Amino acid sequence: MDKGPEFTSSNYKLSCKGKEIIRVYSKSDKHMQNGYIERFNRTSREDILDAYLISSLKQYQILSDMLSLDYNDNPPHINLGP
């Protein structure tokens, strides 16, 4: 994860410690070290969190799974033809 304020606050650190979560930060000079995660976060935010009113983690998981299956069965580039 990056060292943004949402990941360096004392509340976040205490929450992680209480749940025995080990925090691993990307190196500040390696901007693309977490590029895959950053892209996933953006896609998840745009396709799910911005489009639906989510009330639980379980609901998010169901929507995420449905969209993932739809994408795999009907990829957007398939209509481009050969």
C-alpha atoms as a PDB file:
ATOM      1  CA  MET A   1       0.000   0.000   0.000  1.00  0.00           C
ATOM      2  CA  ASP A   2       1.110   3.564  -0.422  1.00  0.00           C
ATOM      3  CA  LYS A   3       1.845   5.979   2.391  1.00  0.00           C
ATOM      4  CA  GLY A   4      -1.249   8.122   1.883  1.00  0.00           C
ATOM      5  CA  PRO A   5      -2.906   9.692   4.928  1.00  0.00           C
ATOM      6  CA  GLU A   6      -5.632   7.036   5.009  1.00  0.00           C
ATOM      7  CA  PHE A   7      -2.968   4.372   5.608  1.00  0.00           C
ATOM      8  CA  THR A   8      -0.778   6.229   8.075  1.00  0.00           C
ATOM      9  CA  SER A   9      -3.349   7.517  10.588  1.00  0.00           C
ATOM     10  CA  SER A  10      -3.033   6.353  14.165  1.00  0.00           C
ATOM     11  CA  ASN A  11      -6.590   4.930  14.127  1.00  0.00           C
ATOM     12  CA  TYR A  12      -5.739   2.785  11.109  1.00  0.00           C
ATOM     13  CA  LYS A  13      -2.500   1.591  12.688  1.00  0.00           C
ATOM     14  CA  LEU A  14      -4.275   0.685  15.944  1.00  0.00           C
ATOM     15  CA  SER A  15      -7.016  -1.146  14.044  1.00  0.00           C
ATOM     16  CA  CYS A  16      -4.430  -3.196  12.140  1.00  0.00           C
ATOM     17  CA  LYS A  17      -2.520  -3.977  15.302  1.00  0.00           C
ATOM     18  CA  GLY A  18      -5.692  -5.098  17.089  1.00  0.00           C
ATOM     19  CA  LYS A  19      -6.533  -7.450  14.203  1.00  0.00           C
ATOM     20  CA  GLU A  20      -2.915  -8.630  13.837  1.00  0.00           C
ATOM     21  CA  ILE A  21      -2.643  -7.236  10.299  1.00  0.00           C
ATOM     22  CA  ILE A  22       0.892  -6.602   9.078  1.00  0.00           C
ATOM     23  CA  ARG A  23       1.114  -3.379   7.078  1.00  0.00           C
ATOM     24  CA  VAL A  24       3.527  -3.375   4.127  1.00  0.00           C
ATOM     25  CA  TYR A  25       4.160  -0.074   2.360  1.00  0.00           C
ATOM     26  CA  SER A  26       5.502   0.379  -1.145  1.00  0.00           C
ATOM     27  CA  LYS A  27       8.830   2.139  -1.546  1.00  0.00           C
ATOM     28  CA  SER A  28       8.399   5.846  -2.186  1.00  0.00           C
ATOM     29  CA  ASP A  29      10.725   5.806  -5.214  1.00  0.00           C
ATOM     30  CA  LYS A  30       8.883   2.843  -6.805  1.00  0.00           C
ATOM     31  CA  HIS A  31       5.687   4.447  -8.105  1.00  0.00           C
ATOM     32  CA  MET A  32       4.584   1.424 -10.135  1.00  0.00           C
ATOM     33  CA  GLN A  33       5.333  -1.068  -7.384  1.00  0.00           C
ATOM     34  CA  ASN A  34       1.633  -1.204  -6.581  1.00  0.00           C
ATOM     35  CA  GLY A  35       0.285  -0.339 -10.048  1.00  0.00           C
ATOM     36  CA  TYR A  36      -1.757  -3.533 -10.274  1.00  0.00           C
ATOM     37  CA  ILE A  37      -3.491  -2.784  -6.966  1.00  0.00           C
ATOM     38  CA  GLU A  38      -4.029   0.863  -7.893  1.00  0.00           C
ATOM     39  CA  ARG A  39      -5.718  -0.196 -11.141  1.00  0.00           C
ATOM     40  CA  PHE A  40      -7.868  -2.725  -9.298  1.00  0.00           C
ATOM     41  CA  ASN A  41      -8.894  -0.076  -6.765  1.00  0.00           C
ATOM     42  CA  ARG A  42      -9.835   2.380  -9.533  1.00  0.00           C
ATOM     43  CA  THR A  43     -11.788  -0.225 -11.493  1.00  0.00           C
ATOM     44  CA  SER A  44     -13.545  -1.461  -8.367  1.00  0.00           C
ATOM     45  CA  ARG A  45     -14.454   2.074  -7.371  1.00  0.00           C
ATOM     46  CA  GLU A  46     -15.765   3.020 -10.817  1.00  0.00           C
ATOM     47  CA  ASP A  47     -17.623  -0.220 -11.610  1.00  0.00           C
ATOM     48  CA  ILE A  48     -19.061  -1.047  -8.200  1.00  0.00           C
ATOM     49  CA  LEU A  49     -18.727   1.575  -5.502  1.00  0.00           C
ATOM     50  CA  ASP A  50     -19.733   4.523  -7.703  1.00  0.00           C
ATOM     51  CA  ALA A  51     -22.579   2.601  -9.356  1.00  0.00           C
ATOM     52  CA  TYR A  52     -24.248   0.859  -6.384  1.00  0.00           C
ATOM     53  CA  LEU A  53     -25.239   1.690  -2.836  1.00  0.00           C
ATOM     54  CA  ILE A  54     -23.348  -0.955  -0.850  1.00  0.00           C
ATOM     55  CA  SER A  55     -24.477  -1.800   2.678  1.00  0.00           C
ATOM     56  CA  SER A  56     -22.158  -4.693   3.530  1.00  0.00           C
ATOM     57  CA  LEU A  57     -18.944  -6.392   2.544  1.00  0.00           C
ATOM     58  CA  LYS A  58     -20.942  -9.482   1.541  1.00  0.00           C
ATOM     59  CA  GLN A  59     -23.031  -7.391  -0.865  1.00  0.00           C
ATOM     60  CA  TYR A  60     -19.843  -5.946  -2.374  1.00  0.00           C
ATOM     61  CA  GLN A  61     -18.433  -9.464  -2.817  1.00  0.00           C
ATOM     62  CA  ILE A  62     -21.597 -10.642  -4.597  1.00  0.00           C
ATOM     63  CA  LEU A  63     -21.588  -7.651  -6.971  1.00  0.00           C
ATOM     64  CA  SER A  64     -17.877  -8.051  -7.599  1.00  0.00           C
ATOM     65  CA  ASP A  65     -18.291 -11.731  -8.431  1.00  0.00           C
ATOM     66  CA  MET A  66     -21.244 -11.027 -10.747  1.00  0.00           C
ATOM     67  CA  LEU A  67     -19.357  -8.321 -12.644  1.00  0.00           C
ATOM     68  CA  SER A  68     -16.279 -10.515 -12.871  1.00  0.00           C
ATOM     69  CA  LEU A  69     -18.260 -13.414 -14.342  1.00  0.00           C
ATOM     70  CA  ASP A  70     -20.009 -11.087 -16.783  1.00  0.00           C
ATOM     71  CA  TYR A  71     -16.686  -9.622 -17.914  1.00  0.00           C
ATOM     72  CA  ASN A  72     -15.184 -13.090 -18.393  1.00  0.00           C
ATOM     73  CA  ASP A  73     -18.216 -14.371 -20.324  1.00  0.00           C
ATOM     74  CA  ASN A  74     -18.799 -11.195 -22.358  1.00  0.00           C
ATOM     75  CA  PRO A  75     -15.521  -9.261 -22.625  1.00  0.00           C
ATOM     76  CA  PRO A  76     -16.020  -5.736 -23.981  1.00  0.00           C
ATOM     77  CA  HIS A  77     -13.492  -6.223 -26.803  1.00  0.00           C
ATOM     78  CA  ILE A  78     -15.286  -9.259 -28.286  1.00  0.00           C
ATOM     79  CA  ASN A  79     -17.544  -7.004 -30.407  1.00  0.00           C
ATOM     80  CA  LEU A  80     -14.563  -5.605 -32.295  1.00  0.00           C
ATOM     81  CA  GLY A  81     -14.422  -8.717 -34.473  1.00  0.00           C
ATOM     82  CA  PRO A  82     -11.372 -10.274 -36.151  1.00  0.00           C
END
